[in-house]
mmCIF file of all heavy atoms, coordinates in Angstrom:
data_MODEL
# 
_entry.id   MODEL 
# 
loop_
_atom_site.group_PDB 
_atom_site.id 
_atom_site.type_symbol 
_atom_site.label_atom_id 
_atom_site.label_alt_id 
_atom_site.label_comp_id 
_atom_site.label_asym_id 
_atom_site.label_entity_id 
_atom_site.label_seq_id 
_atom_site.pdbx_PDB_ins_code 
_atom_site.Cartn_x 
_atom_site.Cartn_y 
_atom_site.Cartn_z 
_atom_site.occupancy 
_atom_site.B_iso_or_equiv 
_atom_site.pdbx_formal_charge 
_atom_site.auth_seq_id 
_atom_site.auth_comp_id 
_atom_site.auth_asym_id 
_atom_site.auth_atom_id 
_atom_site.pdbx_PDB_model_num 
ATOM 1   N N   . VAL A 1 1  ? 135.063 201.417 112.074 1.00 0.00 ? 1  VAL A N   1 
ATOM 2   C CA  . VAL A 1 1  ? 134.185 200.891 113.120 1.00 0.00 ? 1  VAL A CA  1 
ATOM 3   C C   . VAL A 1 1  ? 132.801 200.579 112.557 1.00 0.00 ? 1  VAL A C   1 
ATOM 4   O O   . VAL A 1 1  ? 132.217 199.523 112.847 1.00 0.00 ? 1  VAL A O   1 
ATOM 5   C CB  . VAL A 1 1  ? 134.078 201.892 114.288 1.00 0.00 ? 1  VAL A CB  1 
ATOM 6   C CG1 . VAL A 1 1  ? 132.993 201.452 115.279 1.00 0.00 ? 1  VAL A CG1 1 
ATOM 7   C CG2 . VAL A 1 1  ? 135.424 202.019 115.002 1.00 0.00 ? 1  VAL A CG2 1 
ATOM 8   N N   . ALA A 1 2  ? 132.262 201.478 111.736 1.00 0.00 ? 2  ALA A N   1 
ATOM 9   C CA  . ALA A 1 2  ? 130.936 201.254 111.152 1.00 0.00 ? 2  ALA A CA  1 
ATOM 10  C C   . ALA A 1 2  ? 130.921 199.988 110.298 1.00 0.00 ? 2  ALA A C   1 
ATOM 11  O O   . ALA A 1 2  ? 129.953 199.205 110.340 1.00 0.00 ? 2  ALA A O   1 
ATOM 12  C CB  . ALA A 1 2  ? 130.524 202.462 110.313 1.00 0.00 ? 2  ALA A CB  1 
ATOM 13  N N   . ALA A 1 3  ? 131.985 199.778 109.521 1.00 0.00 ? 3  ALA A N   1 
ATOM 14  C CA  . ALA A 1 3  ? 132.060 198.578 108.683 1.00 0.00 ? 3  ALA A CA  1 
ATOM 15  C C   . ALA A 1 3  ? 132.139 197.313 109.533 1.00 0.00 ? 3  ALA A C   1 
ATOM 16  O O   . ALA A 1 3  ? 131.507 196.293 109.224 1.00 0.00 ? 3  ALA A O   1 
ATOM 17  C CB  . ALA A 1 3  ? 133.271 198.673 107.754 1.00 0.00 ? 3  ALA A CB  1 
ATOM 18  N N   . LYS A 1 4  ? 132.909 197.364 110.634 1.00 0.00 ? 4  LYS A N   1 
ATOM 19  C CA  . LYS A 1 4  ? 133.024 196.203 111.521 1.00 0.00 ? 4  LYS A CA  1 
ATOM 20  C C   . LYS A 1 4  ? 131.696 195.871 112.193 1.00 0.00 ? 4  LYS A C   1 
ATOM 21  O O   . LYS A 1 4  ? 131.345 194.707 112.364 1.00 0.00 ? 4  LYS A O   1 
ATOM 22  C CB  . LYS A 1 4  ? 134.090 196.473 112.581 1.00 0.00 ? 4  LYS A CB  1 
ATOM 23  C CG  . LYS A 1 4  ? 135.523 196.457 112.067 1.00 0.00 ? 4  LYS A CG  1 
ATOM 24  C CD  . LYS A 1 4  ? 136.491 196.831 113.163 1.00 0.00 ? 4  LYS A CD  1 
ATOM 25  C CE  . LYS A 1 4  ? 136.385 195.904 114.346 1.00 0.00 ? 4  LYS A CE  1 
ATOM 26  N NZ  . LYS A 1 4  ? 137.327 196.234 115.420 1.00 0.00 ? 4  LYS A NZ  1 
ATOM 27  N N   . LEU A 1 5  ? 130.957 196.912 112.581 1.00 0.00 ? 5  LEU A N   1 
ATOM 28  C CA  . LEU A 1 5  ? 129.684 196.687 113.266 1.00 0.00 ? 5  LEU A CA  1 
ATOM 29  C C   . LEU A 1 5  ? 128.633 196.067 112.350 1.00 0.00 ? 5  LEU A C   1 
ATOM 30  O O   . LEU A 1 5  ? 127.683 195.443 112.830 1.00 0.00 ? 5  LEU A O   1 
ATOM 31  C CB  . LEU A 1 5  ? 129.159 198.001 113.843 1.00 0.00 ? 5  LEU A CB  1 
ATOM 32  C CG  . LEU A 1 5  ? 129.937 198.540 115.053 1.00 0.00 ? 5  LEU A CG  1 
ATOM 33  C CD1 . LEU A 1 5  ? 129.450 199.927 115.419 1.00 0.00 ? 5  LEU A CD1 1 
ATOM 34  C CD2 . LEU A 1 5  ? 129.818 197.600 116.245 1.00 0.00 ? 5  LEU A CD2 1 
ATOM 35  N N   . LYS A 1 6  ? 128.786 196.224 111.044 1.00 0.00 ? 6  LYS A N   1 
ATOM 36  C CA  . LYS A 1 6  ? 127.866 195.581 110.105 1.00 0.00 ? 6  LYS A CA  1 
ATOM 37  C C   . LYS A 1 6  ? 128.095 194.071 110.052 1.00 0.00 ? 6  LYS A C   1 
ATOM 38  O O   . LYS A 1 6  ? 127.192 193.300 109.753 1.00 0.00 ? 6  LYS A O   1 
ATOM 39  C CB  . LYS A 1 6  ? 128.026 196.175 108.705 1.00 0.00 ? 6  LYS A CB  1 
ATOM 40  C CG  . LYS A 1 6  ? 127.502 197.599 108.576 1.00 0.00 ? 6  LYS A CG  1 
ATOM 41  C CD  . LYS A 1 6  ? 127.687 198.110 107.159 1.00 0.00 ? 6  LYS A CD  1 
ATOM 42  C CE  . LYS A 1 6  ? 127.155 199.535 107.014 1.00 0.00 ? 6  LYS A CE  1 
ATOM 43  N NZ  . LYS A 1 6  ? 127.384 200.058 105.643 1.00 0.00 ? 6  LYS A NZ  1 
ATOM 44  N N   . ILE A 1 7  ? 129.325 193.667 110.340 1.00 0.00 ? 7  ILE A N   1 
ATOM 45  C CA  . ILE A 1 7  ? 129.678 192.244 110.310 1.00 0.00 ? 7  ILE A CA  1 
ATOM 46  C C   . ILE A 1 7  ? 129.345 191.565 111.633 1.00 0.00 ? 7  ILE A C   1 
ATOM 47  O O   . ILE A 1 7  ? 128.819 190.453 111.665 1.00 0.00 ? 7  ILE A O   1 
ATOM 48  C CB  . ILE A 1 7  ? 131.172 192.086 109.979 1.00 0.00 ? 7  ILE A CB  1 
ATOM 49  C CG1 . ILE A 1 7  ? 131.484 192.692 108.604 1.00 0.00 ? 7  ILE A CG1 1 
ATOM 50  C CG2 . ILE A 1 7  ? 131.588 190.618 110.027 1.00 0.00 ? 7  ILE A CG2 1 
ATOM 51  C CD1 . ILE A 1 7  ? 132.962 192.786 108.301 1.00 0.00 ? 7  ILE A CD1 1 
ATOM 52  N N   . TYR A 1 8  ? 129.660 192.259 112.713 1.00 0.00 ? 8  TYR A N   1 
ATOM 53  C CA  . TYR A 1 8  ? 129.397 191.698 114.051 1.00 0.00 ? 8  TYR A CA  1 
ATOM 54  C C   . TYR A 1 8  ? 129.161 192.859 115.004 1.00 0.00 ? 8  TYR A C   1 
ATOM 55  O O   . TYR A 1 8  ? 129.954 193.806 115.047 1.00 0.00 ? 8  TYR A O   1 
ATOM 56  C CB  . TYR A 1 8  ? 130.582 190.863 114.537 1.00 0.00 ? 8  TYR A CB  1 
ATOM 57  C CG  . TYR A 1 8  ? 130.367 190.251 115.906 1.00 0.00 ? 8  TYR A CG  1 
ATOM 58  C CD1 . TYR A 1 8  ? 129.831 188.974 116.038 1.00 0.00 ? 8  TYR A CD1 1 
ATOM 59  C CD2 . TYR A 1 8  ? 130.686 190.964 117.063 1.00 0.00 ? 8  TYR A CD2 1 
ATOM 60  C CE1 . TYR A 1 8  ? 129.620 188.410 117.292 1.00 0.00 ? 8  TYR A CE1 1 
ATOM 61  C CE2 . TYR A 1 8  ? 130.473 190.411 118.320 1.00 0.00 ? 8  TYR A CE2 1 
ATOM 62  C CZ  . TYR A 1 8  ? 129.935 189.140 118.423 1.00 0.00 ? 8  TYR A CZ  1 
ATOM 63  O OH  . TYR A 1 8  ? 129.721 188.586 119.662 1.00 0.00 ? 8  TYR A OH  1 
ATOM 64  N N   . ARG A 1 9  ? 128.079 192.780 115.760 1.00 0.00 ? 9  ARG A N   1 
ATOM 65  C CA  . ARG A 1 9  ? 127.783 193.834 116.725 1.00 0.00 ? 9  ARG A CA  1 
ATOM 66  C C   . ARG A 1 9  ? 127.863 193.281 118.143 1.00 0.00 ? 9  ARG A C   1 
ATOM 67  O O   . ARG A 1 9  ? 127.154 192.326 118.483 1.00 0.00 ? 9  ARG A O   1 
ATOM 68  C CB  . ARG A 1 9  ? 126.401 194.435 116.479 1.00 0.00 ? 9  ARG A CB  1 
ATOM 69  C CG  . ARG A 1 9  ? 126.137 195.685 117.318 1.00 0.00 ? 9  ARG A CG  1 
ATOM 70  C CD  . ARG A 1 9  ? 124.834 196.356 116.959 1.00 0.00 ? 9  ARG A CD  1 
ATOM 71  N NE  . ARG A 1 9  ? 124.687 197.598 117.682 1.00 0.00 ? 9  ARG A NE  1 
ATOM 72  C CZ  . ARG A 1 9  ? 125.170 198.774 117.279 1.00 0.00 ? 9  ARG A CZ  1 
ATOM 73  N NH1 . ARG A 1 9  ? 125.821 198.843 116.126 1.00 0.00 ? 9  ARG A NH1 1 
ATOM 74  N NH2 . ARG A 1 9  ? 125.013 199.876 118.003 1.00 0.00 ? 9  ARG A NH2 1 
ATOM 75  N N   . PRO A 1 10 ? 128.709 193.855 118.994 1.00 0.00 ? 10 PRO A N   1 
ATOM 76  C CA  . PRO A 1 10 ? 128.777 193.409 120.385 1.00 0.00 ? 10 PRO A CA  1 
ATOM 77  C C   . PRO A 1 10 ? 127.424 193.578 121.083 1.00 0.00 ? 10 PRO A C   1 
ATOM 78  O O   . PRO A 1 10 ? 126.580 194.375 120.657 1.00 0.00 ? 10 PRO A O   1 
ATOM 79  C CB  . PRO A 1 10 ? 129.828 194.344 121.000 1.00 0.00 ? 10 PRO A CB  1 
ATOM 80  C CG  . PRO A 1 10 ? 130.626 194.845 119.843 1.00 0.00 ? 10 PRO A CG  1 
ATOM 81  C CD  . PRO A 1 10 ? 129.673 194.930 118.698 1.00 0.00 ? 10 PRO A CD  1 
ATOM 82  N N   . GLU A 1 11 ? 127.249 192.843 122.156 1.00 0.00 ? 11 GLU A N   1 
ATOM 83  C CA  . GLU A 1 11 ? 125.994 192.921 122.897 1.00 0.00 ? 11 GLU A CA  1 
ATOM 84  C C   . GLU A 1 11 ? 125.729 194.324 123.416 1.00 0.00 ? 11 GLU A C   1 
ATOM 85  O O   . GLU A 1 11 ? 124.583 194.784 123.443 1.00 0.00 ? 11 GLU A O   1 
ATOM 86  C CB  . GLU A 1 11 ? 126.022 191.922 124.073 1.00 0.00 ? 11 GLU A CB  1 
ATOM 87  C CG  . GLU A 1 11 ? 125.869 190.461 123.677 1.00 0.00 ? 11 GLU A CG  1 
ATOM 88  C CD  . GLU A 1 11 ? 127.138 189.861 123.107 1.00 0.00 ? 11 GLU A CD  1 
ATOM 89  O OE1 . GLU A 1 11 ? 128.220 190.514 123.159 1.00 0.00 ? 11 GLU A OE1 1 
ATOM 90  O OE2 . GLU A 1 11 ? 127.067 188.726 122.602 1.00 0.00 ? 11 GLU A OE2 1 
ATOM 91  N N   . ILE A 1 12 ? 126.776 195.017 123.853 1.00 0.00 ? 12 ILE A N   1 
ATOM 92  C CA  . ILE A 1 12 ? 126.614 196.376 124.371 1.00 0.00 ? 12 ILE A CA  1 
ATOM 93  C C   . ILE A 1 12 ? 127.627 197.295 123.690 1.00 0.00 ? 12 ILE A C   1 
ATOM 94  O O   . ILE A 1 12 ? 128.835 197.046 123.744 1.00 0.00 ? 12 ILE A O   1 
ATOM 95  C CB  . ILE A 1 12 ? 126.820 196.425 125.897 1.00 0.00 ? 12 ILE A CB  1 
ATOM 96  C CG1 . ILE A 1 12 ? 125.813 195.509 126.608 1.00 0.00 ? 12 ILE A CG1 1 
ATOM 97  C CG2 . ILE A 1 12 ? 126.692 197.861 126.414 1.00 0.00 ? 12 ILE A CG2 1 
ATOM 98  C CD1 . ILE A 1 12 ? 126.018 195.427 128.120 1.00 0.00 ? 12 ILE A CD1 1 
ATOM 99  N N   . VAL A 1 13 ? 127.130 198.337 123.045 1.00 0.00 ? 13 VAL A N   1 
ATOM 100 C CA  . VAL A 1 13 ? 127.987 199.359 122.443 1.00 0.00 ? 13 VAL A CA  1 
ATOM 101 C C   . VAL A 1 13 ? 127.673 200.682 123.139 1.00 0.00 ? 13 VAL A C   1 
ATOM 102 O O   . VAL A 1 13 ? 126.536 201.142 123.124 1.00 0.00 ? 13 VAL A O   1 
ATOM 103 C CB  . VAL A 1 13 ? 127.755 199.492 120.930 1.00 0.00 ? 13 VAL A CB  1 
ATOM 104 C CG1 . VAL A 1 13 ? 128.636 200.609 120.352 1.00 0.00 ? 13 VAL A CG1 1 
ATOM 105 C CG2 . VAL A 1 13 ? 128.039 198.168 120.216 1.00 0.00 ? 13 VAL A CG2 1 
ATOM 106 N N   . VAL A 1 14 ? 128.684 201.259 123.748 1.00 0.00 ? 14 VAL A N   1 
ATOM 107 C CA  . VAL A 1 14 ? 128.523 202.525 124.475 1.00 0.00 ? 14 VAL A CA  1 
ATOM 108 C C   . VAL A 1 14 ? 129.171 203.634 123.657 1.00 0.00 ? 14 VAL A C   1 
ATOM 109 O O   . VAL A 1 14 ? 130.325 203.520 123.265 1.00 0.00 ? 14 VAL A O   1 
ATOM 110 C CB  . VAL A 1 14 ? 129.182 202.445 125.869 1.00 0.00 ? 14 VAL A CB  1 
ATOM 111 C CG1 . VAL A 1 14 ? 128.970 203.741 126.640 1.00 0.00 ? 14 VAL A CG1 1 
ATOM 112 C CG2 . VAL A 1 14 ? 128.659 201.256 126.654 1.00 0.00 ? 14 VAL A CG2 1 
ATOM 113 N N   . ARG A 1 15 ? 128.410 204.715 123.449 1.00 0.00 ? 15 ARG A N   1 
ATOM 114 C CA  . ARG A 1 15 ? 128.935 205.862 122.705 1.00 0.00 ? 15 ARG A CA  1 
ATOM 115 C C   . ARG A 1 15 ? 128.735 207.136 123.542 1.00 0.00 ? 15 ARG A C   1 
ATOM 116 O O   . ARG A 1 15 ? 127.709 207.809 123.426 1.00 0.00 ? 15 ARG A O   1 
ATOM 117 C CB  . ARG A 1 15 ? 128.244 205.996 121.348 1.00 0.00 ? 15 ARG A CB  1 
ATOM 118 C CG  . ARG A 1 15 ? 128.653 204.943 120.333 1.00 0.00 ? 15 ARG A CG  1 
ATOM 119 C CD  . ARG A 1 15 ? 128.269 205.383 118.931 1.00 0.00 ? 15 ARG A CD  1 
ATOM 120 N NE  . ARG A 1 15 ? 128.821 204.505 117.928 1.00 0.00 ? 15 ARG A NE  1 
ATOM 121 C CZ  . ARG A 1 15 ? 128.143 203.537 117.310 1.00 0.00 ? 15 ARG A CZ  1 
ATOM 122 N NH1 . ARG A 1 15 ? 126.880 203.318 117.631 1.00 0.00 ? 15 ARG A NH1 1 
ATOM 123 N NH2 . ARG A 1 15 ? 128.714 202.792 116.394 1.00 0.00 ? 15 ARG A NH2 1 
ATOM 124 N N   . PRO A 1 16 ? 129.679 207.477 124.390 1.00 0.00 ? 16 PRO A N   1 
ATOM 125 C CA  . PRO A 1 16 ? 129.557 208.704 125.180 1.00 0.00 ? 16 PRO A CA  1 
ATOM 126 C C   . PRO A 1 16 ? 129.443 209.929 124.265 1.00 0.00 ? 16 PRO A C   1 
ATOM 127 O O   . PRO A 1 16 ? 130.014 209.954 123.165 1.00 0.00 ? 16 PRO A O   1 
ATOM 128 C CB  . PRO A 1 16 ? 130.862 208.740 125.983 1.00 0.00 ? 16 PRO A CB  1 
ATOM 129 C CG  . PRO A 1 16 ? 131.340 207.323 125.999 1.00 0.00 ? 16 PRO A CG  1 
ATOM 130 C CD  . PRO A 1 16 ? 130.931 206.750 124.682 1.00 0.00 ? 16 PRO A CD  1 
ATOM 131 N N   . ALA A 1 17 ? 128.728 210.934 124.712 1.00 0.00 ? 17 ALA A N   1 
ATOM 132 C CA  . ALA A 1 17 ? 128.466 212.125 123.892 1.00 0.00 ? 17 ALA A CA  1 
ATOM 133 C C   . ALA A 1 17 ? 129.642 213.099 123.954 1.00 0.00 ? 17 ALA A C   1 
ATOM 134 O O   . ALA A 1 17 ? 129.568 214.172 124.577 1.00 0.00 ? 17 ALA A O   1 
ATOM 135 C CB  . ALA A 1 17 ? 127.186 212.798 124.364 1.00 0.00 ? 17 ALA A CB  1 
ATOM 136 N N   . VAL A 1 18 ? 130.746 212.723 123.297 1.00 0.00 ? 18 VAL A N   1 
ATOM 137 C CA  . VAL A 1 18 ? 131.962 213.543 123.370 1.00 0.00 ? 18 VAL A CA  1 
ATOM 138 C C   . VAL A 1 18 ? 132.442 213.996 121.987 1.00 0.00 ? 18 VAL A C   1 
ATOM 139 O O   . VAL A 1 18 ? 133.599 214.393 121.829 1.00 0.00 ? 18 VAL A O   1 
ATOM 140 C CB  . VAL A 1 18 ? 133.088 212.764 124.093 1.00 0.00 ? 18 VAL A CB  1 
ATOM 141 C CG1 . VAL A 1 18 ? 132.758 212.596 125.569 1.00 0.00 ? 18 VAL A CG1 1 
ATOM 142 C CG2 . VAL A 1 18 ? 133.331 211.401 123.445 1.00 0.00 ? 18 VAL A CG2 1 
ATOM 143 N N   . ASP A 1 19 ? 131.556 213.960 121.002 1.00 0.00 ? 19 ASP A N   1 
ATOM 144 C CA  . ASP A 1 19 ? 131.958 214.300 119.636 1.00 0.00 ? 19 ASP A CA  1 
ATOM 145 C C   . ASP A 1 19 ? 132.432 215.739 119.474 1.00 0.00 ? 19 ASP A C   1 
ATOM 146 O O   . ASP A 1 19 ? 133.147 216.056 118.516 1.00 0.00 ? 19 ASP A O   1 
ATOM 147 C CB  . ASP A 1 19 ? 130.799 214.052 118.661 1.00 0.00 ? 19 ASP A CB  1 
ATOM 148 C CG  . ASP A 1 19 ? 130.671 212.587 118.268 1.00 0.00 ? 19 ASP A CG  1 
ATOM 149 O OD1 . ASP A 1 19 ? 131.429 211.770 118.825 1.00 0.00 ? 19 ASP A OD1 1 
ATOM 150 O OD2 . ASP A 1 19 ? 129.816 212.260 117.427 1.00 0.00 ? 19 ASP A OD2 1 
ATOM 151 N N   . ARG A 1 20 ? 132.041 216.629 120.371 1.00 0.00 ? 20 ARG A N   1 
ATOM 152 C CA  . ARG A 1 20 ? 132.411 218.038 120.202 1.00 0.00 ? 20 ARG A CA  1 
ATOM 153 C C   . ARG A 1 20 ? 133.862 218.332 120.590 1.00 0.00 ? 20 ARG A C   1 
ATOM 154 O O   . ARG A 1 20 ? 134.358 219.439 120.368 1.00 0.00 ? 20 ARG A O   1 
ATOM 155 C CB  . ARG A 1 20 ? 131.483 218.943 121.009 1.00 0.00 ? 20 ARG A CB  1 
ATOM 156 C CG  . ARG A 1 20 ? 131.554 218.799 122.515 1.00 0.00 ? 20 ARG A CG  1 
ATOM 157 C CD  . ARG A 1 20 ? 130.478 219.648 123.171 1.00 0.00 ? 20 ARG A CD  1 
ATOM 158 N NE  . ARG A 1 20 ? 130.399 219.484 124.600 1.00 0.00 ? 20 ARG A NE  1 
ATOM 159 C CZ  . ARG A 1 20 ? 131.072 220.234 125.479 1.00 0.00 ? 20 ARG A CZ  1 
ATOM 160 N NH1 . ARG A 1 20 ? 131.902 221.170 125.042 1.00 0.00 ? 20 ARG A NH1 1 
ATOM 161 N NH2 . ARG A 1 20 ? 130.924 220.045 126.777 1.00 0.00 ? 20 ARG A NH2 1 
ATOM 162 N N   . PHE A 1 21 ? 134.543 217.334 121.156 1.00 0.00 ? 21 PHE A N   1 
ATOM 163 C CA  . PHE A 1 21 ? 135.915 217.543 121.589 1.00 0.00 ? 21 PHE A CA  1 
ATOM 164 C C   . PHE A 1 21 ? 136.902 217.080 120.511 1.00 0.00 ? 21 PHE A C   1 
ATOM 165 O O   . PHE A 1 21 ? 136.645 216.134 119.781 1.00 0.00 ? 21 PHE A O   1 
ATOM 166 C CB  . PHE A 1 21 ? 136.178 216.796 122.893 1.00 0.00 ? 21 PHE A CB  1 
ATOM 167 C CG  . PHE A 1 21 ? 135.318 217.276 124.021 1.00 0.00 ? 21 PHE A CG  1 
ATOM 168 C CD1 . PHE A 1 21 ? 134.162 216.583 124.369 1.00 0.00 ? 21 PHE A CD1 1 
ATOM 169 C CD2 . PHE A 1 21 ? 135.644 218.431 124.722 1.00 0.00 ? 21 PHE A CD2 1 
ATOM 170 C CE1 . PHE A 1 21 ? 133.353 217.027 125.403 1.00 0.00 ? 21 PHE A CE1 1 
ATOM 171 C CE2 . PHE A 1 21 ? 134.841 218.884 125.753 1.00 0.00 ? 21 PHE A CE2 1 
ATOM 172 C CZ  . PHE A 1 21 ? 133.687 218.183 126.087 1.00 0.00 ? 21 PHE A CZ  1 
ATOM 173 N N   . ARG A 1 22 ? 138.035 217.758 120.458 1.00 0.00 ? 22 ARG A N   1 
ATOM 174 C CA  . ARG A 1 22 ? 139.069 217.428 119.482 1.00 0.00 ? 22 ARG A CA  1 
ATOM 175 C C   . ARG A 1 22 ? 140.054 216.407 120.052 1.00 0.00 ? 22 ARG A C   1 
ATOM 176 O O   . ARG A 1 22 ? 140.083 216.163 121.262 1.00 0.00 ? 22 ARG A O   1 
ATOM 177 C CB  . ARG A 1 22 ? 139.812 218.692 119.058 1.00 0.00 ? 22 ARG A CB  1 
ATOM 178 C CG  . ARG A 1 22 ? 138.940 219.731 118.360 1.00 0.00 ? 22 ARG A CG  1 
ATOM 179 C CD  . ARG A 1 22 ? 139.706 220.995 118.075 1.00 0.00 ? 22 ARG A CD  1 
ATOM 180 N NE  . ARG A 1 22 ? 140.159 221.624 119.310 1.00 0.00 ? 22 ARG A NE  1 
ATOM 181 C CZ  . ARG A 1 22 ? 140.912 222.725 119.365 1.00 0.00 ? 22 ARG A CZ  1 
ATOM 182 N NH1 . ARG A 1 22 ? 141.301 223.328 118.239 1.00 0.00 ? 22 ARG A NH1 1 
ATOM 183 N NH2 . ARG A 1 22 ? 141.269 223.232 120.517 1.00 0.00 ? 22 ARG A NH2 1 
ATOM 184 N N   . VAL A 1 23 ? 140.864 215.847 119.172 1.00 0.00 ? 23 VAL A N   1 
ATOM 185 C CA  . VAL A 1 23 ? 141.792 214.775 119.549 1.00 0.00 ? 23 VAL A CA  1 
ATOM 186 C C   . VAL A 1 23 ? 142.722 215.191 120.684 1.00 0.00 ? 23 VAL A C   1 
ATOM 187 O O   . VAL A 1 23 ? 143.011 214.394 121.580 1.00 0.00 ? 23 VAL A O   1 
ATOM 188 C CB  . VAL A 1 23 ? 142.612 214.325 118.319 1.00 0.00 ? 23 VAL A CB  1 
ATOM 189 C CG1 . VAL A 1 23 ? 143.768 213.417 118.724 1.00 0.00 ? 23 VAL A CG1 1 
ATOM 190 C CG2 . VAL A 1 23 ? 141.715 213.612 117.325 1.00 0.00 ? 23 VAL A CG2 1 
ATOM 191 N N   . LEU A 1 24 ? 143.198 216.436 120.669 1.00 0.00 ? 24 LEU A N   1 
ATOM 192 C CA  . LEU A 1 24 ? 144.184 216.872 121.655 1.00 0.00 ? 24 LEU A CA  1 
ATOM 193 C C   . LEU A 1 24 ? 143.593 217.753 122.753 1.00 0.00 ? 24 LEU A C   1 
ATOM 194 O O   . LEU A 1 24 ? 144.332 218.460 123.446 1.00 0.00 ? 24 LEU A O   1 
ATOM 195 C CB  . LEU A 1 24 ? 145.336 217.608 120.952 1.00 0.00 ? 24 LEU A CB  1 
ATOM 196 C CG  . LEU A 1 24 ? 146.146 216.779 119.956 1.00 0.00 ? 24 LEU A CG  1 
ATOM 197 C CD1 . LEU A 1 24 ? 147.288 217.606 119.381 1.00 0.00 ? 24 LEU A CD1 1 
ATOM 198 C CD2 . LEU A 1 24 ? 146.692 215.502 120.598 1.00 0.00 ? 24 LEU A CD2 1 
ATOM 199 N N   . ASP A 1 25 ? 142.294 217.697 122.958 1.00 0.00 ? 25 ASP A N   1 
ATOM 200 C CA  . ASP A 1 25 ? 141.644 218.526 123.987 1.00 0.00 ? 25 ASP A CA  1 
ATOM 201 C C   . ASP A 1 25 ? 141.777 217.921 125.390 1.00 0.00 ? 25 ASP A C   1 
ATOM 202 O O   . ASP A 1 25 ? 140.817 217.897 126.168 1.00 0.00 ? 25 ASP A O   1 
ATOM 203 C CB  . ASP A 1 25 ? 140.157 218.712 123.654 1.00 0.00 ? 25 ASP A CB  1 
ATOM 204 C CG  . ASP A 1 25 ? 139.924 219.783 122.608 1.00 0.00 ? 25 ASP A CG  1 
ATOM 205 O OD1 . ASP A 1 25 ? 140.865 220.542 122.313 1.00 0.00 ? 25 ASP A OD1 1 
ATOM 206 O OD2 . ASP A 1 25 ? 138.799 219.859 122.077 1.00 0.00 ? 25 ASP A OD2 1 
ATOM 207 N N   . PHE A 1 26 ? 142.963 217.473 125.737 1.00 0.00 ? 26 PHE A N   1 
ATOM 208 C CA  . PHE A 1 26 ? 143.144 216.814 127.030 1.00 0.00 ? 26 PHE A CA  1 
ATOM 209 C C   . PHE A 1 26 ? 142.961 217.770 128.208 1.00 0.00 ? 26 PHE A C   1 
ATOM 210 O O   . PHE A 1 26 ? 142.578 217.339 129.296 1.00 0.00 ? 26 PHE A O   1 
ATOM 211 C CB  . PHE A 1 26 ? 144.520 216.151 127.099 1.00 0.00 ? 26 PHE A CB  1 
ATOM 212 C CG  . PHE A 1 26 ? 144.616 214.887 126.301 1.00 0.00 ? 26 PHE A CG  1 
ATOM 213 C CD1 . PHE A 1 26 ? 145.140 214.893 125.018 1.00 0.00 ? 26 PHE A CD1 1 
ATOM 214 C CD2 . PHE A 1 26 ? 144.167 213.686 126.825 1.00 0.00 ? 26 PHE A CD2 1 
ATOM 215 C CE1 . PHE A 1 26 ? 145.217 213.724 124.276 1.00 0.00 ? 26 PHE A CE1 1 
ATOM 216 C CE2 . PHE A 1 26 ? 144.237 212.512 126.098 1.00 0.00 ? 26 PHE A CE2 1 
ATOM 217 C CZ  . PHE A 1 26 ? 144.769 212.530 124.813 1.00 0.00 ? 26 PHE A CZ  1 
ATOM 218 N N   . PHE A 1 27 ? 143.217 219.054 127.992 1.00 0.00 ? 27 PHE A N   1 
ATOM 219 C CA  . PHE A 1 27 ? 143.032 220.003 129.081 1.00 0.00 ? 27 PHE A CA  1 
ATOM 220 C C   . PHE A 1 27 ? 141.555 220.266 129.372 1.00 0.00 ? 27 PHE A C   1 
ATOM 221 O O   . PHE A 1 27 ? 141.228 220.938 130.356 1.00 0.00 ? 27 PHE A O   1 
ATOM 222 C CB  . PHE A 1 27 ? 143.759 221.316 128.778 1.00 0.00 ? 27 PHE A CB  1 
ATOM 223 C CG  . PHE A 1 27 ? 145.262 221.201 128.830 1.00 0.00 ? 27 PHE A CG  1 
ATOM 224 C CD1 . PHE A 1 27 ? 146.049 221.681 127.805 1.00 0.00 ? 27 PHE A CD1 1 
ATOM 225 C CD2 . PHE A 1 27 ? 145.891 220.581 129.909 1.00 0.00 ? 27 PHE A CD2 1 
ATOM 226 C CE1 . PHE A 1 27 ? 147.432 221.577 127.847 1.00 0.00 ? 27 PHE A CE1 1 
ATOM 227 C CE2 . PHE A 1 27 ? 147.273 220.464 129.968 1.00 0.00 ? 27 PHE A CE2 1 
ATOM 228 C CZ  . PHE A 1 27 ? 148.043 220.962 128.932 1.00 0.00 ? 27 PHE A CZ  1 
ATOM 229 N N   . ASP A 1 28 ? 140.677 219.736 128.536 1.00 0.00 ? 28 ASP A N   1 
ATOM 230 C CA  . ASP A 1 28 ? 139.234 219.817 128.785 1.00 0.00 ? 28 ASP A CA  1 
ATOM 231 C C   . ASP A 1 28 ? 138.735 218.553 129.486 1.00 0.00 ? 28 ASP A C   1 
ATOM 232 O O   . ASP A 1 28 ? 137.579 218.152 129.327 1.00 0.00 ? 28 ASP A O   1 
ATOM 233 C CB  . ASP A 1 28 ? 138.471 220.002 127.471 1.00 0.00 ? 28 ASP A CB  1 
ATOM 234 C CG  . ASP A 1 28 ? 138.675 221.388 126.877 1.00 0.00 ? 28 ASP A CG  1 
ATOM 235 O OD1 . ASP A 1 28 ? 138.959 222.319 127.650 1.00 0.00 ? 28 ASP A OD1 1 
ATOM 236 O OD2 . ASP A 1 28 ? 138.548 221.538 125.649 1.00 0.00 ? 28 ASP A OD2 1 
ATOM 237 N N   . ALA A 1 29 ? 139.602 217.924 130.274 1.00 0.00 ? 29 ALA A N   1 
ATOM 238 C CA  . ALA A 1 29 ? 139.280 216.633 130.893 1.00 0.00 ? 29 ALA A CA  1 
ATOM 239 C C   . ALA A 1 29 ? 137.976 216.680 131.683 1.00 0.00 ? 29 ALA A C   1 
ATOM 240 O O   . ALA A 1 29 ? 137.131 215.790 131.559 1.00 0.00 ? 29 ALA A O   1 
ATOM 241 C CB  . ALA A 1 29 ? 140.429 216.187 131.804 1.00 0.00 ? 29 ALA A CB  1 
# 
């Protein structure tokens, strides 16, 4: 994603603050 954004950046990029969750943390919905 970082490499793609260097080539072209969409008008709006949203990054919700969810980095602390793991891939399978679905029960933490």
